[in-house]
Amino acid sequence: MSKKRLDCRGMDCPQPVVETKQALEECSSLDVVLDNETAARNVSRIAENSNFEVKKEFKEEEIILHISESDVEAKKEEKKTKTAQTASRFEGEVRPAANYFITTSRLGEGPEELGEKLA
């Protein structure tokens, strides 16, 4: 797989997230160019949740995220450790379940097609 560059400047959220997710399905290394911190946080989160490593670079009025494959086995072990720590911390404790009422078939306020993809 090759390295790609994705220019998401001027895109409204969550479009940069959707574009990044699609690009990461095709390559193992990606540079994403953004123009706002909110989009950078959201794109970073989706990449990290998909076991990619993210490094930020700030240039003038741009934020460049260098996204690459990370050591998946190390991430799995780290997650297992965190899960075990959390489980032992709440052992014997009853936690209430959250209830959600969903009234639409899409997420967000942007284009309908994009909202349906995210849902």
Protein backbone atom coordinates (compact mmCIF):
# COMPACT_ATOMS: atom_id res chain seq x y z
CA MET A 1 0.00 0.00 0.00
CA SER A 2 1.23 3.49 -0.75
CA LYS A 3 1.22 6.85 0.97
CA LYS A 4 -1.50 9.33 0.00
CA ARG A 5 -2.15 13.01 0.64
CA LEU A 6 -5.69 14.13 1.37
CA ASP A 7 -6.59 17.84 1.28
CA CYS A 8 -9.61 18.46 3.52
CA ARG A 9 -9.24 22.23 3.86
CA GLY A 10 -12.55 24.04 3.64
CA MET A 11 -14.62 20.91 4.28
CA ASP A 12 -17.38 20.98 6.88
CA CYS A 13 -17.40 18.30 9.57
CA PRO A 14 -17.83 15.39 9.37
CA GLN A 15 -16.71 15.25 5.73
CA PRO A 16 -12.97 15.14 6.60
CA VAL A 17 -13.64 12.13 8.85
CA VAL A 18 -15.52 10.29 6.10
CA GLU A 19 -12.85 11.09 3.50
CA THR A 20 -10.08 9.96 5.86
CA LYS A 21 -11.84 6.73 6.76
CA GLN A 22 -12.28 5.85 3.07
CA ALA A 23 -8.65 6.70 2.27
CA LEU A 24 -7.35 4.55 5.17
CA GLU A 25 -9.15 1.55 3.68
CA GLU A 26 -6.94 1.94 0.58
CA CYS A 27 -3.55 2.82 2.05
CA SER A 28 -1.37 2.31 5.11
CA SER A 29 0.06 5.83 5.30
CA LEU A 30 -1.78 9.10 4.80
CA ASP A 31 -1.17 12.84 5.21
CA VAL A 32 -4.37 14.77 5.88
CA VAL A 33 -4.28 18.56 5.44
CA LEU A 34 -6.86 20.44 7.52
CA ASP A 35 -7.61 24.05 8.37
CA ASN A 36 -9.29 23.75 11.77
CA GLU A 37 -8.57 22.10 15.11
CA THR A 38 -12.01 20.48 15.48
CA ALA A 39 -11.61 18.52 12.26
CA ALA A 40 -8.06 17.58 13.28
CA ARG A 41 -9.29 16.17 16.60
CA ASN A 42 -12.10 14.20 14.91
CA VAL A 43 -9.84 12.79 12.18
CA SER A 44 -7.18 11.89 14.77
CA ARG A 45 -9.76 10.08 16.87
CA ILE A 46 -11.09 7.97 13.97
CA ALA A 47 -7.54 7.06 12.90
CA GLU A 48 -6.42 6.13 16.42
CA ASN A 49 -9.58 4.08 16.99
CA SER A 50 -8.68 2.18 13.79
CA ASN A 51 -5.20 1.35 15.16
CA PHE A 52 -3.29 4.02 13.24
CA GLU A 53 -0.63 6.28 14.70
CA VAL A 54 -1.18 10.04 14.28
CA LYS A 55 1.43 12.80 14.39
CA LYS A 56 0.41 16.46 14.11
CA GLU A 57 2.35 19.11 12.25
CA PHE A 58 1.39 22.80 12.29
CA LYS A 59 2.31 24.90 9.22
CA GLU A 60 1.13 28.48 8.88
CA GLU A 61 -2.67 28.12 8.75
CA GLU A 62 -2.70 24.36 8.19
CA ILE A 63 -2.68 21.29 10.36
CA ILE A 64 -1.13 18.25 8.74
CA LEU A 65 -1.87 14.87 10.27
CA HIS A 66 0.65 12.18 9.40
CA ILE A 67 -1.28 8.94 9.80
CA SER A 68 0.44 5.57 9.57
CA GLU A 69 -0.08 1.98 10.64
CA SER A 70 0.92 1.38 14.22
CA ASP A 71 1.99 -1.75 16.02
CA VAL A 72 -1.40 -3.46 16.23
CA GLU A 73 -0.25 -6.10 18.72
CA ALA A 74 1.05 -3.44 21.13
CA LYS A 75 -2.29 -1.60 20.86
CA LYS A 76 -4.25 -4.80 21.57
CA GLU A 77 -2.14 -5.51 24.65
CA GLU A 78 -2.53 -1.91 25.87
CA LYS A 79 -6.30 -2.14 25.41
CA LYS A 80 -6.44 -5.46 27.28
CA THR A 81 -4.50 -3.93 30.18
CA LYS A 82 -6.78 -0.87 30.32
CA THR A 83 -9.88 -3.09 30.22
CA ALA A 84 -8.56 -5.23 33.08
CA GLN A 85 -7.72 -2.13 35.14
CA THR A 86 -11.18 -0.67 34.54
CA ALA A 87 -12.88 -3.96 35.39
CA SER A 88 -11.01 -4.28 38.68
CA ARG A 89 -11.77 -0.66 39.56
CA PHE A 90 -15.54 -1.23 39.18
CA GLU A 91 -15.64 -4.78 40.54
CA GLY A 92 -18.81 -5.38 42.55
CA GLU A 93 -20.31 -2.06 41.47
CA VAL A 94 -23.59 -1.87 39.61
CA ARG A 95 -23.59 0.79 36.92
CA PRO A 96 -26.80 2.06 35.33
CA ALA A 97 -27.30 1.54 31.60
CA ALA A 98 -27.72 4.55 29.32
CA ASN A 99 -30.95 4.96 27.37
CA TYR A 100 -31.09 6.59 23.96
CA PHE A 101 -34.06 7.55 21.82
CA ILE A 102 -33.15 7.98 18.14
CA THR A 103 -35.60 9.94 16.03
CA THR A 104 -33.83 10.18 12.64
CA SER A 105 -32.07 7.92 10.18
CA ARG A 106 -29.03 10.21 9.98
CA LEU A 107 -26.51 12.07 12.13
CA GLY A 108 -25.64 15.75 12.05
CA GLU A 109 -27.03 18.79 10.29
CA GLY A 110 -25.10 18.60 7.00
CA PRO A 111 -25.97 16.90 3.72
CA GLU A 112 -28.55 14.12 4.13
CA GLU A 113 -26.44 11.51 2.28
CA LEU A 114 -23.45 12.11 4.54
CA GLY A 115 -25.62 11.94 7.68
CA GLU A 116 -27.03 8.59 6.59
CA LYS A 117 -23.54 7.19 5.98
CA LEU A 118 -22.48 8.19 9.49
CA ALA A 119 -25.55 6.65 11.08
